[in-house]
Amino acid sequence: MSKIHILSTKILSPIQKQELIKADFEVTEADFIKTESKKIELKEVNENLIFTSQNAVHSVFQHTDLEKLKSKNVFCVGLKTKILLSEAGFNVVAYTGYASDLAEIITLIYGSESFTFFSGNLRRETLPVALKEAGVKFNEIKAYETTLTPHKMKTKTDAILFFSPSGVKSYLKENTIKNENCFCIGETTASALDKITKNIIVADQPSVEEVIDDVIAEYK
């Protein structure tokens, strides 16, 4: 019997890829997006910081005034983002799996405080819109740049792993989705496939490892 062929729309770590190979899958991987840190100014930074991705964190970590930011409280999306910040000495007050949940916490509990949101050029409107509507004082600093890097895939694929709405957009520029199962890191990524396919499986926790566990569970 031929092996199930998995396509990952980002390069996996050797350990992550090994999990799939060990479970007897064929694996193809390619980076469908590219992120680059931007040189940022830290002139007008409010009392609290918001991060919705690890890319923004890595960009801020390169700044010479990094130590000054550590006195501020941090709100973030994603467990890995939280760990990254905590290990660097930041005080993470709240973290959630999704920007919508974080927006709810900020607007309900911390609405009278001010925030600086370190974002990327392709960020979703969820958080800024919620903060504006609730009258929360915030500004935004673009910390990184995401560009789409589409690839035309020639191999027959049974399942595709998606890790961001931009990754979905990039994949669809050169390829179509027919009957493949689409495994998504979270609801936001899955929503980018809404009108494209019904074959969507969303990870319970937004992590690459959870996506891989879902693939193994689905086919074994």
N, C-alpha and C. Protein backbone atom coordinates (compact mmCIF):
# COMPACT_ATOMS: atom_id res chain seq x y z
N MET A 1 0.83 -1.19 0.00
CA MET A 1 0.00 0.00 0.00
C MET A 1 0.88 1.26 0.00
N SER A 2 0.52 2.26 -0.82
CA SER A 2 1.38 3.44 -0.87
C SER A 2 1.18 4.30 0.38
N LYS A 3 2.23 5.03 0.73
CA LYS A 3 2.21 5.83 1.95
C LYS A 3 1.33 7.08 1.78
N ILE A 4 0.81 7.56 2.90
CA ILE A 4 0.06 8.83 2.91
C ILE A 4 1.08 9.95 2.75
N HIS A 5 0.78 10.87 1.83
CA HIS A 5 1.73 11.96 1.57
C HIS A 5 1.26 13.26 2.24
N ILE A 6 2.14 13.79 3.10
CA ILE A 6 1.83 15.02 3.85
C ILE A 6 2.65 16.18 3.29
N LEU A 7 1.99 17.32 3.08
CA LEU A 7 2.72 18.53 2.70
C LEU A 7 2.63 19.54 3.85
N SER A 8 3.78 19.98 4.34
CA SER A 8 3.79 21.04 5.36
C SER A 8 4.13 22.36 4.67
N THR A 9 3.30 23.39 4.95
CA THR A 9 3.52 24.69 4.30
C THR A 9 4.54 25.54 5.04
N LYS A 10 5.26 24.89 5.97
CA LYS A 10 6.46 25.53 6.52
C LYS A 10 7.46 24.43 6.84
N ILE A 11 8.75 24.78 6.85
CA ILE A 11 9.78 23.80 7.16
C ILE A 11 9.66 23.43 8.64
N LEU A 12 9.51 22.13 8.89
CA LEU A 12 9.36 21.65 10.27
C LEU A 12 10.74 21.48 10.91
N SER A 13 10.76 21.41 12.23
CA SER A 13 12.04 21.12 12.91
C SER A 13 12.34 19.64 12.66
N PRO A 14 13.61 19.23 12.75
CA PRO A 14 13.94 17.82 12.53
C PRO A 14 13.11 16.87 13.42
N ILE A 15 12.87 17.28 14.67
CA ILE A 15 12.10 16.43 15.60
C ILE A 15 10.65 16.31 15.12
N GLN A 16 10.06 17.43 14.71
CA GLN A 16 8.66 17.42 14.24
C GLN A 16 8.52 16.54 12.99
N LYS A 17 9.45 16.71 12.06
CA LYS A 17 9.39 15.93 10.81
C LYS A 17 9.57 14.44 11.12
N GLN A 18 10.47 14.12 12.05
CA GLN A 18 10.75 12.74 12.43
C GLN A 18 9.52 12.03 12.96
N GLU A 19 8.67 12.78 13.72
CA GLU A 19 7.43 12.23 14.25
C GLU A 19 6.55 11.67 13.12
N LEU A 20 6.46 12.43 12.04
CA LEU A 20 5.63 12.02 10.90
C LEU A 20 6.26 10.86 10.13
N ILE A 21 7.58 10.90 9.98
CA ILE A 21 8.28 9.82 9.26
C ILE A 21 8.18 8.51 10.05
N LYS A 22 8.34 8.64 11.37
CA LYS A 22 8.23 7.48 12.27
C LYS A 22 6.85 6.84 12.17
N ALA A 23 5.82 7.68 11.93
CA ALA A 23 4.45 7.18 11.80
C ALA A 23 4.16 6.71 10.37
N ASP A 24 5.22 6.64 9.57
CA ASP A 24 5.15 6.07 8.21
C ASP A 24 4.48 6.97 7.15
N PHE A 25 4.62 8.28 7.30
CA PHE A 25 4.13 9.21 6.28
C PHE A 25 5.27 9.64 5.37
N GLU A 26 4.91 9.95 4.11
CA GLU A 26 5.86 10.64 3.22
C GLU A 26 5.70 12.12 3.54
N VAL A 27 6.79 12.86 3.67
CA VAL A 27 6.67 14.28 4.04
C VAL A 27 7.39 15.17 3.03
N THR A 28 6.65 16.16 2.53
CA THR A 28 7.25 17.22 1.71
C THR A 28 7.05 18.52 2.49
N GLU A 29 8.05 19.39 2.50
CA GLU A 29 7.88 20.66 3.23
C GLU A 29 8.49 21.81 2.45
N ALA A 30 7.87 22.96 2.60
CA ALA A 30 8.37 24.18 1.94
C ALA A 30 7.83 25.38 2.71
N ASP A 31 8.63 26.43 2.80
CA ASP A 31 8.17 27.66 3.46
C ASP A 31 7.34 28.48 2.46
N PHE A 32 6.06 28.62 2.75
CA PHE A 32 5.18 29.38 1.86
C PHE A 32 5.10 30.86 2.25
N ILE A 33 5.69 31.20 3.40
CA ILE A 33 5.82 32.62 3.74
C ILE A 33 7.22 32.86 4.29
N LYS A 34 7.65 34.12 4.20
CA LYS A 34 8.96 34.49 4.75
C LYS A 34 8.75 35.68 5.67
N THR A 35 9.34 35.63 6.86
CA THR A 35 9.22 36.78 7.76
C THR A 35 10.58 37.38 8.03
N GLU A 36 10.63 38.71 8.05
CA GLU A 36 11.87 39.42 8.32
C GLU A 36 11.63 40.49 9.38
N SER A 37 12.54 40.56 10.36
CA SER A 37 12.44 41.58 11.39
C SER A 37 12.66 42.96 10.78
N LYS A 38 11.97 43.96 11.33
CA LYS A 38 12.16 45.34 10.88
C LYS A 38 12.92 46.11 11.97
N LYS A 39 13.65 47.12 11.54
CA LYS A 39 14.32 47.99 12.52
C LYS A 39 13.22 48.83 13.17
N ILE A 40 13.12 48.77 14.49
CA ILE A 40 12.01 49.48 15.14
C ILE A 40 12.50 50.61 16.05
N GLU A 41 11.65 51.61 16.16
CA GLU A 41 11.90 52.74 17.07
C GLU A 41 11.10 52.46 18.35
N LEU A 42 11.73 52.67 19.49
CA LEU A 42 11.01 52.45 20.75
C LEU A 42 10.76 53.78 21.47
N LYS A 43 10.35 54.78 20.70
CA LYS A 43 10.13 56.12 21.29
C LYS A 43 8.86 56.17 22.12
N GLU A 44 7.73 55.84 21.48
CA GLU A 44 6.44 55.98 22.17
C GLU A 44 5.88 54.61 22.57
N VAL A 45 6.38 54.12 23.68
CA VAL A 45 5.92 52.81 24.15
C VAL A 45 5.05 53.01 25.40
N ASN A 46 3.85 52.48 25.37
CA ASN A 46 2.90 52.63 26.48
C ASN A 46 3.22 51.69 27.64
N GLU A 47 2.34 51.69 28.67
CA GLU A 47 2.67 50.97 29.92
C GLU A 47 2.61 49.44 29.79
N ASN A 48 1.85 48.94 28.81
CA ASN A 48 1.76 47.49 28.60
C ASN A 48 2.12 47.15 27.16
N LEU A 49 2.65 45.93 26.97
CA LEU A 49 3.05 45.49 25.62
C LEU A 49 2.16 44.33 25.17
N ILE A 50 1.85 44.30 23.86
CA ILE A 50 1.07 43.18 23.29
C ILE A 50 1.88 42.54 22.17
N PHE A 51 1.96 41.20 22.22
CA PHE A 51 2.60 40.42 21.14
C PHE A 51 1.61 39.33 20.71
N THR A 52 1.39 39.22 19.40
CA THR A 52 0.53 38.12 18.93
C THR A 52 1.32 37.08 18.13
N SER A 53 2.66 37.27 18.06
CA SER A 53 3.47 36.25 17.37
C SER A 53 4.90 36.25 17.87
N GLN A 54 5.54 35.11 17.71
CA GLN A 54 6.95 34.99 18.10
C GLN A 54 7.84 35.86 17.23
N ASN A 55 7.40 36.10 15.97
CA ASN A 55 8.20 36.93 15.06
C ASN A 55 8.40 38.33 15.63
N ALA A 56 7.33 38.89 16.20
CA ALA A 56 7.41 40.23 16.79
C ALA A 56 8.35 40.24 17.98
N VAL A 57 8.29 39.16 18.78
CA VAL A 57 9.16 39.04 19.96
C VAL A 57 10.62 39.02 19.53
N HIS A 58 10.95 38.18 18.54
CA HIS A 58 12.34 38.08 18.06
C HIS A 58 12.84 39.44 17.55
N SER A 59 11.97 40.17 16.90
CA SER A 59 12.34 41.48 16.37
C SER A 59 12.67 42.45 17.51
N VAL A 60 11.82 42.49 18.54
CA VAL A 60 12.04 43.38 19.69
C VAL A 60 13.30 42.98 20.46
N PHE A 61 13.57 41.67 20.52
CA PHE A 61 14.76 41.17 21.23
C PHE A 61 16.07 41.73 20.63
N GLN A 62 16.02 42.15 19.35
CA GLN A 62 17.23 42.66 18.70
C GLN A 62 17.51 44.12 19.06
N HIS A 63 16.57 44.76 19.76
CA HIS A 63 16.72 46.19 20.04
C HIS A 63 17.69 46.45 21.19
N THR A 64 18.49 47.51 21.05
CA THR A 64 19.49 47.82 22.08
C THR A 64 18.85 48.25 23.40
N ASP A 65 17.62 48.79 23.35
CA ASP A 65 16.93 49.23 24.57
C ASP A 65 16.03 48.16 25.17
N LEU A 66 16.29 46.93 24.85
CA LEU A 66 15.43 45.82 25.30
C LEU A 66 15.21 45.82 26.82
N GLU A 67 16.28 46.04 27.57
CA GLU A 67 16.20 45.99 29.04
C GLU A 67 15.15 46.95 29.61
N LYS A 68 15.00 48.12 28.98
CA LYS A 68 14.04 49.12 29.45
C LYS A 68 12.60 48.60 29.37
N LEU A 69 12.35 47.72 28.41
CA LEU A 69 10.98 47.21 28.21
C LEU A 69 10.56 46.20 29.28
N LYS A 70 11.55 45.63 29.96
CA LYS A 70 11.26 44.54 30.91
C LYS A 70 10.50 45.00 32.14
N SER A 71 10.42 46.32 32.33
CA SER A 71 9.66 46.84 33.48
C SER A 71 8.16 46.87 33.17
N LYS A 72 7.82 46.63 31.90
CA LYS A 72 6.41 46.72 31.48
C LYS A 72 5.74 45.34 31.52
N ASN A 73 4.42 45.33 31.72
CA ASN A 73 3.66 44.08 31.70
C ASN A 73 3.37 43.68 30.26
N VAL A 74 3.28 42.38 30.03
CA VAL A 74 3.09 41.87 28.68
C VAL A 74 1.82 41.02 28.57
N PHE A 75 1.12 41.20 27.45
CA PHE A 75 -0.06 40.40 27.10
C PHE A 75 0.26 39.74 25.76
N CYS A 76 0.04 38.43 25.64
CA CYS A 76 0.44 37.80 24.37
C CYS A 76 -0.47 36.65 23.94
N VAL A 77 -0.32 36.28 22.69
CA VAL A 77 -1.05 35.15 22.11
C VAL A 77 -0.06 34.01 21.88
N GLY A 78 -0.40 32.83 22.39
CA GLY A 78 0.42 31.64 22.13
C GLY A 78 1.32 31.27 23.30
N LEU A 79 1.32 29.99 23.63
CA LEU A 79 2.13 29.49 24.74
C LEU A 79 3.62 29.66 24.45
N LYS A 80 4.03 29.39 23.20
CA LYS A 80 5.46 29.50 22.86
C LYS A 80 5.93 30.95 22.94
N THR A 81 5.03 31.88 22.58
CA THR A 81 5.34 33.30 22.67
C THR A 81 5.53 33.67 24.14
N LYS A 82 4.65 33.15 24.99
CA LYS A 82 4.73 33.41 26.44
C LYS A 82 6.05 32.89 27.01
N ILE A 83 6.41 31.65 26.63
CA ILE A 83 7.64 31.03 27.15
C ILE A 83 8.86 31.86 26.73
N LEU A 84 8.87 32.26 25.47
CA LEU A 84 9.96 33.08 24.93
C LEU A 84 10.15 34.36 25.75
N LEU A 85 9.03 35.03 26.04
CA LEU A 85 9.06 36.29 26.80
C LEU A 85 9.44 36.06 28.27
N SER A 86 8.83 35.05 28.88
CA SER A 86 9.11 34.76 30.30
C SER A 86 10.57 34.40 30.52
N GLU A 87 11.12 33.58 29.61
CA GLU A 87 12.52 33.15 29.75
C GLU A 87 13.49 34.33 29.58
N ALA A 88 13.03 35.38 28.87
CA ALA A 88 13.88 36.56 28.66
C ALA A 88 13.72 37.56 29.81
N GLY A 89 12.84 37.24 30.78
CA GLY A 89 12.69 38.10 31.94
C GLY A 89 11.51 39.06 31.90
N PHE A 90 10.59 38.85 30.96
CA PHE A 90 9.39 39.70 30.90
C PHE A 90 8.30 39.14 31.82
N ASN A 91 7.47 40.04 32.34
CA ASN A 91 6.35 39.61 33.17
C ASN A 91 5.10 39.48 32.30
N VAL A 92 4.72 38.25 31.98
CA VAL A 92 3.53 38.02 31.15
C VAL A 92 2.30 37.93 32.06
N VAL A 93 1.44 38.93 31.95
CA VAL A 93 0.24 39.03 32.79
C VAL A 93 -0.84 38.07 32.30
N ALA A 94 -1.00 37.99 30.97
CA ALA A 94 -2.03 37.12 30.41
C ALA A 94 -1.60 36.62 29.04
N TYR A 95 -1.92 35.36 28.76
CA TYR A 95 -1.71 34.83 27.41
C TYR A 95 -2.89 33.96 27.06
N THR A 96 -3.25 33.94 25.78
CA THR A 96 -4.39 33.14 25.32
C THR A 96 -4.00 32.45 24.01
N GLY A 97 -4.87 31.57 23.54
CA GLY A 97 -4.61 30.90 22.27
C GLY A 97 -4.94 31.77 21.07
N TYR A 98 -5.88 32.72 21.26
CA TYR A 98 -6.35 33.53 20.14
C TYR A 98 -6.40 35.01 20.48
N ALA A 99 -6.21 35.85 19.47
CA ALA A 99 -6.24 37.31 19.64
C ALA A 99 -7.60 37.78 20.15
N SER A 100 -8.67 37.13 19.71
CA SER A 100 -10.02 37.54 20.14
C SER A 100 -10.20 37.38 21.65
N ASP A 101 -9.65 36.28 22.21
CA ASP A 101 -9.72 36.05 23.65
C ASP A 101 -8.88 37.06 24.42
N LEU A 102 -7.71 37.38 23.86
CA LEU A 102 -6.83 38.36 24.50
C LEU A 102 -7.50 39.74 24.51
N ALA A 103 -8.15 40.08 23.41
CA ALA A 103 -8.86 41.37 23.30
C ALA A 103 -9.93 41.47 24.38
N GLU A 104 -10.60 40.35 24.62
CA GLU A 104 -11.66 40.31 25.63
C GLU A 104 -11.11 40.58 27.04
N ILE A 105 -10.00 39.92 27.36
CA ILE A 105 -9.36 40.11 28.67
C ILE A 105 -8.93 41.57 28.86
N ILE A 106 -8.27 42.11 27.82
CA ILE A 106 -7.78 43.49 27.91
C ILE A 106 -8.93 44.48 28.07
N THR A 107 -9.96 44.34 27.23
CA THR A 107 -11.06 45.32 27.26
C THR A 107 -11.89 45.22 28.54
N LEU A 108 -12.07 43.99 29.06
CA LEU A 108 -12.90 43.81 30.25
C LEU A 108 -12.18 44.15 31.56
N ILE A 109 -10.88 43.81 31.62
CA ILE A 109 -10.18 43.95 32.91
C ILE A 109 -9.17 45.11 32.93
N TYR A 110 -8.53 45.35 31.77
CA TYR A 110 -7.44 46.33 31.77
C TYR A 110 -7.74 47.53 30.86
N GLY A 111 -9.01 47.77 30.61
CA GLY A 111 -9.43 48.81 29.67
C GLY A 111 -8.97 50.22 29.96
N SER A 112 -8.63 50.49 31.24
CA SER A 112 -8.22 51.86 31.60
C SER A 112 -6.71 52.08 31.41
N GLU A 113 -5.99 51.00 31.05
CA GLU A 113 -4.53 51.11 30.88
C GLU A 113 -4.19 51.37 29.41
N SER A 114 -2.91 51.65 29.16
CA SER A 114 -2.49 51.91 27.76
C SER A 114 -1.56 50.80 27.26
N PHE A 115 -1.57 50.59 25.95
CA PHE A 115 -0.88 49.44 25.35
C PHE A 115 -0.10 49.82 24.10
N THR A 116 0.98 49.07 23.86
CA THR A 116 1.69 49.15 22.58
C THR A 116 1.68 47.75 21.97
N PHE A 117 1.16 47.65 20.76
CA PHE A 117 1.00 46.37 20.06
C PHE A 117 2.12 46.25 19.02
N PHE A 118 3.00 45.25 19.22
CA PHE A 118 4.06 44.97 18.25
C PHE A 118 3.51 43.96 17.24
N SER A 119 3.35 44.41 15.99
CA SER A 119 2.63 43.59 15.01
C SER A 119 3.43 43.37 13.73
N GLY A 120 2.83 42.63 12.81
CA GLY A 120 3.42 42.40 11.49
C GLY A 120 2.56 43.08 10.43
N ASN A 121 3.06 43.19 9.22
CA ASN A 121 2.34 43.91 8.15
C ASN A 121 1.05 43.20 7.71
N LEU A 122 0.96 41.88 7.95
CA LEU A 122 -0.24 41.15 7.52
C LEU A 122 -1.12 40.75 8.70
N ARG A 123 -0.98 41.45 9.81
CA ARG A 123 -1.75 41.07 10.99
C ARG A 123 -3.26 41.22 10.74
N ARG A 124 -4.04 40.45 11.50
CA ARG A 124 -5.49 40.50 11.40
C ARG A 124 -6.01 41.76 12.11
N GLU A 125 -7.25 42.12 11.81
CA GLU A 125 -7.85 43.33 12.41
C GLU A 125 -8.46 43.06 13.79
N THR A 126 -8.58 41.78 14.17
CA THR A 126 -9.30 41.39 15.39
C THR A 126 -8.97 42.25 16.61
N LEU A 127 -7.70 42.28 16.97
CA LEU A 127 -7.28 42.96 18.19
C LEU A 127 -7.41 44.49 18.10
N PRO A 128 -6.84 45.14 17.07
CA PRO A 128 -6.97 46.60 16.98
C PRO A 128 -8.42 47.08 16.97
N VAL A 129 -9.28 46.37 16.24
CA VAL A 129 -10.69 46.77 16.16
C VAL A 129 -11.36 46.67 17.54
N ALA A 130 -11.11 45.57 18.25
CA ALA A 130 -11.71 45.38 19.58
C ALA A 130 -11.24 46.46 20.56
N LEU A 131 -9.95 46.80 20.50
CA LEU A 131 -9.42 47.83 21.40
C LEU A 131 -10.00 49.20 21.08
N LYS A 132 -10.09 49.51 19.77
CA LYS A 132 -10.66 50.80 19.35
C LYS A 132 -12.11 50.93 19.80
N GLU A 133 -12.88 49.86 19.55
CA GLU A 133 -14.31 49.89 19.91
C GLU A 133 -14.53 50.07 21.41
N ALA A 134 -13.60 49.53 22.21
CA ALA A 134 -13.74 49.63 23.67
C ALA A 134 -13.10 50.91 24.21
N GLY A 135 -12.53 51.70 23.32
CA GLY A 135 -11.91 52.96 23.74
C GLY A 135 -10.63 52.79 24.53
N VAL A 136 -9.92 51.68 24.29
CA VAL A 136 -8.65 51.42 24.99
C VAL A 136 -7.54 52.21 24.29
N LYS A 137 -6.71 52.87 25.06
CA LYS A 137 -5.61 53.66 24.49
C LYS A 137 -4.50 52.70 24.04
N PHE A 138 -4.16 52.75 22.77
CA PHE A 138 -3.06 51.90 22.29
C PHE A 138 -2.42 52.50 21.03
N ASN A 139 -1.18 52.11 20.80
CA ASN A 139 -0.53 52.42 19.52
C ASN A 139 0.08 51.13 18.98
N GLU A 140 0.54 51.21 17.74
CA GLU A 140 1.03 50.00 17.09
C GLU A 140 2.41 50.25 16.50
N ILE A 141 3.31 49.30 16.69
CA ILE A 141 4.65 49.38 16.09
C ILE A 141 4.82 48.14 15.22
N LYS A 142 5.09 48.37 13.92
CA LYS A 142 5.31 47.24 13.01
C LYS A 142 6.70 46.67 13.28
N ALA A 143 6.74 45.42 13.74
CA ALA A 143 8.01 44.82 14.16
C ALA A 143 8.60 43.85 13.12
N TYR A 144 7.74 43.36 12.23
CA TYR A 144 8.26 42.43 11.22
C TYR A 144 7.41 42.48 9.95
N GLU A 145 7.97 41.94 8.91
CA GLU A 145 7.38 41.98 7.57
C GLU A 145 7.18 40.54 7.10
N THR A 146 5.97 40.21 6.65
CA THR A 146 5.72 38.87 6.10
C THR A 146 5.50 38.98 4.60
N THR A 147 6.21 38.16 3.83
CA THR A 147 5.96 38.13 2.39
C THR A 147 5.55 36.72 1.98
N LEU A 148 4.67 36.63 1.00
CA LEU A 148 4.22 35.32 0.52
C LEU A 148 5.28 34.76 -0.42
N THR A 149 5.58 33.48 -0.27
CA THR A 149 6.55 32.83 -1.17
C THR A 149 5.89 31.57 -1.75
N PRO A 150 4.99 31.74 -2.73
CA PRO A 150 4.26 30.58 -3.27
C PRO A 150 5.16 29.59 -4.01
N HIS A 151 4.80 28.32 -3.96
CA HIS A 151 5.49 27.26 -4.70
C HIS A 151 4.42 26.45 -5.43
N LYS A 152 4.72 26.05 -6.66
CA LYS A 152 3.82 25.15 -7.39
C LYS A 152 4.19 23.73 -6.97
N MET A 153 3.26 23.02 -6.34
CA MET A 153 3.55 21.66 -5.87
C MET A 153 3.14 20.64 -6.93
N LYS A 154 4.08 19.76 -7.26
CA LYS A 154 3.79 18.78 -8.33
C LYS A 154 3.48 17.39 -7.80
N THR A 155 3.84 17.15 -6.53
CA THR A 155 3.61 15.82 -5.95
C THR A 155 2.15 15.67 -5.52
N LYS A 156 1.62 14.46 -5.65
CA LYS A 156 0.25 14.21 -5.18
C LYS A 156 0.27 14.24 -3.65
N THR A 157 -0.67 14.99 -3.09
CA THR A 157 -0.71 15.18 -1.64
C THR A 157 -2.03 14.68 -1.06
N ASP A 158 -1.97 14.01 0.09
CA ASP A 158 -3.19 13.56 0.77
C ASP A 158 -3.63 14.54 1.84
N ALA A 159 -2.67 15.22 2.45
CA ALA A 159 -3.00 16.16 3.53
C ALA A 159 -2.04 17.34 3.50
N ILE A 160 -2.56 18.51 3.87
CA ILE A 160 -1.75 19.73 3.89
C ILE A 160 -1.79 20.32 5.30
N LEU A 161 -0.63 20.73 5.80
CA LEU A 161 -0.56 21.36 7.12
C LEU A 161 -0.42 22.87 6.94
N PHE A 162 -1.35 23.62 7.55
CA PHE A 162 -1.34 25.08 7.46
C PHE A 162 -1.12 25.70 8.84
N PHE A 163 -0.29 26.76 8.89
CA PHE A 163 0.07 27.36 10.17
C PHE A 163 -0.27 28.85 10.28
N SER A 164 -0.83 29.42 9.22
CA SER A 164 -1.23 30.83 9.28
C SER A 164 -2.15 31.14 8.11
N PRO A 165 -3.00 32.17 8.24
CA PRO A 165 -3.83 32.58 7.10
C PRO A 165 -2.98 32.99 5.88
N SER A 166 -1.81 33.59 6.14
CA SER A 166 -0.91 33.98 5.03
C SER A 166 -0.39 32.75 4.29
N GLY A 167 -0.14 31.67 5.06
CA GLY A 167 0.32 30.42 4.45
C GLY A 167 -0.73 29.84 3.52
N VAL A 168 -2.00 29.93 3.94
CA VAL A 168 -3.12 29.47 3.11
C VAL A 168 -3.17 30.29 1.82
N LYS A 169 -3.11 31.60 1.98
CA LYS A 169 -3.18 32.52 0.84
C LYS A 169 -2.04 32.24 -0.16
N SER A 170 -0.85 32.04 0.37
CA SER A 170 0.32 31.77 -0.47
C SER A 170 0.17 30.45 -1.23
N TYR A 171 -0.30 29.40 -0.51
CA TYR A 171 -0.49 28.09 -1.14
C TYR A 171 -1.48 28.17 -2.30
N LEU A 172 -2.58 28.91 -2.08
CA LEU A 172 -3.65 28.99 -3.09
C LEU A 172 -3.27 29.82 -4.32
N LYS A 173 -2.18 30.57 -4.22
CA LYS A 173 -1.74 31.36 -5.39
C LYS A 173 -1.28 30.46 -6.54
N GLU A 174 -0.68 29.30 -6.18
CA GLU A 174 -0.13 28.42 -7.22
C GLU A 174 -0.78 27.03 -7.26
N ASN A 175 -1.63 26.75 -6.28
CA ASN A 175 -2.19 25.39 -6.16
C ASN A 175 -3.68 25.44 -5.85
N THR A 176 -4.36 24.34 -6.09
CA THR A 176 -5.77 24.26 -5.71
C THR A 176 -5.94 23.14 -4.67
N ILE A 177 -6.99 23.25 -3.87
CA ILE A 177 -7.28 22.21 -2.88
C ILE A 177 -8.48 21.43 -3.39
N LYS A 178 -8.31 20.12 -3.52
CA LYS A 178 -9.41 19.27 -4.01
C LYS A 178 -9.96 18.45 -2.84
N ASN A 179 -9.44 17.21 -2.69
CA ASN A 179 -9.96 16.37 -1.60
C ASN A 179 -9.00 16.24 -0.43
N GLU A 180 -7.92 16.96 -0.45
CA GLU A 180 -6.93 16.83 0.62
C GLU A 180 -7.53 17.23 1.98
N ASN A 181 -7.08 16.54 3.02
CA ASN A 181 -7.43 16.97 4.37
C ASN A 181 -6.53 18.15 4.73
N CYS A 182 -7.12 19.22 5.29
CA CYS A 182 -6.34 20.40 5.66
C CYS A 182 -6.27 20.49 7.18
N PHE A 183 -5.06 20.34 7.70
CA PHE A 183 -4.85 20.40 9.15
C PHE A 183 -4.38 21.80 9.50
N CYS A 184 -5.11 22.47 10.39
CA CYS A 184 -4.82 23.88 10.70
C CYS A 184 -4.41 24.06 12.15
N ILE A 185 -3.47 24.98 12.37
CA ILE A 185 -2.95 25.24 13.72
C ILE A 185 -3.98 25.91 14.62
N GLY A 186 -4.98 26.58 14.01
CA GLY A 186 -5.99 27.25 14.83
C GLY A 186 -7.17 27.72 14.02
N GLU A 187 -8.16 28.28 14.70
CA GLU A 187 -9.41 28.73 14.06
C GLU A 187 -9.17 29.84 13.03
N THR A 188 -8.23 30.74 13.33
CA THR A 188 -7.96 31.86 12.42
C THR A 188 -7.45 31.34 11.08
N THR A 189 -6.54 30.38 11.15
CA THR A 189 -6.00 29.76 9.93
C THR A 189 -7.10 29.01 9.20
N ALA A 190 -7.91 28.26 9.96
CA ALA A 190 -9.01 27.48 9.36
C ALA A 190 -10.01 28.39 8.65
N SER A 191 -10.26 29.58 9.22
CA SER A 191 -11.24 30.49 8.62
C SER A 191 -10.81 30.96 7.22
N ALA A 192 -9.50 30.92 6.95
CA ALA A 192 -8.99 31.30 5.62
C ALA A 192 -9.35 30.24 4.57
N LEU A 193 -9.78 29.06 5.04
CA LEU A 193 -10.14 27.96 4.13
C LEU A 193 -11.66 27.78 4.01
N ASP A 194 -12.40 28.63 4.73
CA ASP A 194 -13.86 28.52 4.82
C ASP A 194 -14.58 28.21 3.51
N LYS A 195 -14.30 29.00 2.48
CA LYS A 195 -15.03 28.85 1.22
C LYS A 195 -14.33 27.90 0.25
N ILE A 196 -13.21 27.31 0.70
CA ILE A 196 -12.38 26.49 -0.18
C ILE A 196 -12.68 25.00 -0.03
N THR A 197 -12.80 24.55 1.22
CA THR A 197 -12.97 23.12 1.47
C THR A 197 -13.70 22.87 2.79
N LYS A 198 -14.31 21.69 2.88
CA LYS A 198 -14.96 21.28 4.13
C LYS A 198 -14.03 20.36 4.94
N ASN A 199 -12.96 19.88 4.27
CA ASN A 199 -12.05 18.91 4.92
C ASN A 199 -11.02 19.61 5.81
N ILE A 200 -11.50 20.18 6.92
CA ILE A 200 -10.62 20.95 7.80
C ILE A 200 -10.59 20.32 9.19
N ILE A 201 -9.37 20.13 9.70
CA ILE A 201 -9.20 19.62 11.07
C ILE A 201 -8.37 20.65 11.82
N VAL A 202 -8.94 21.17 12.91
CA VAL A 202 -8.26 22.24 13.66
C VAL A 202 -7.67 21.68 14.95
N ALA A 203 -6.42 22.02 15.21
CA ALA A 203 -5.73 21.56 16.42
C ALA A 203 -6.43 22.11 17.67
N ASP A 204 -6.50 21.28 18.73
CA ASP A 204 -7.11 21.72 20.00
C ASP A 204 -6.30 22.85 20.64
N GLN A 205 -4.98 22.73 20.55
CA GLN A 205 -4.09 23.77 21.05
C GLN A 205 -3.29 24.29 19.86
N PRO A 206 -3.12 25.64 19.75
CA PRO A 206 -2.41 26.15 18.58
C PRO A 206 -0.90 25.93 18.63
N SER A 207 -0.47 24.70 18.32
CA SER A 207 0.97 24.43 18.24
C SER A 207 1.23 23.45 17.10
N VAL A 208 2.44 23.49 16.58
CA VAL A 208 2.83 22.59 15.48
C VAL A 208 2.70 21.14 15.93
N GLU A 209 3.11 20.88 17.17
CA GLU A 209 3.06 19.52 17.71
C GLU A 209 1.63 18.96 17.73
N GLU A 210 0.67 19.82 18.09
CA GLU A 210 -0.75 19.40 18.11
C GLU A 210 -1.23 19.06 16.70
N VAL A 211 -0.79 19.86 15.72
CA VAL A 211 -1.17 19.60 14.31
C VAL A 211 -0.65 18.22 13.90
N ILE A 212 0.59 17.93 14.25
CA ILE A 212 1.21 16.64 13.91
C ILE A 212 0.47 15.49 14.61
N ASP A 213 0.10 15.69 15.88
CA ASP A 213 -0.67 14.67 16.62
C ASP A 213 -2.00 14.39 15.92
N ASP A 214 -2.65 15.46 15.42
CA ASP A 214 -3.92 15.29 14.72
C ASP A 214 -3.77 14.48 13.44
N VAL A 215 -2.67 14.72 12.72
CA VAL A 215 -2.41 13.98 11.47
C VAL A 215 -2.27 12.50 11.80
N ILE A 216 -1.46 12.20 12.82
CA ILE A 216 -1.22 10.80 13.19
C ILE A 216 -2.53 10.14 13.64
N ALA A 217 -3.30 10.87 14.46
CA ALA A 217 -4.59 10.33 14.95
C ALA A 217 -5.57 10.08 13.80
N GLU A 218 -5.60 10.97 12.84
CA GLU A 218 -6.53 10.87 11.71
C GLU A 218 -6.26 9.64 10.84
N TYR A 219 -4.99 9.36 10.60
CA TYR A 219 -4.65 8.29 9.65
C TYR A 219 -4.31 6.95 10.30
N LYS A 220 -4.11 6.95 11.62
CA LYS A 220 -3.73 5.67 12.25
C LYS A 220 -4.92 5.09 13.00
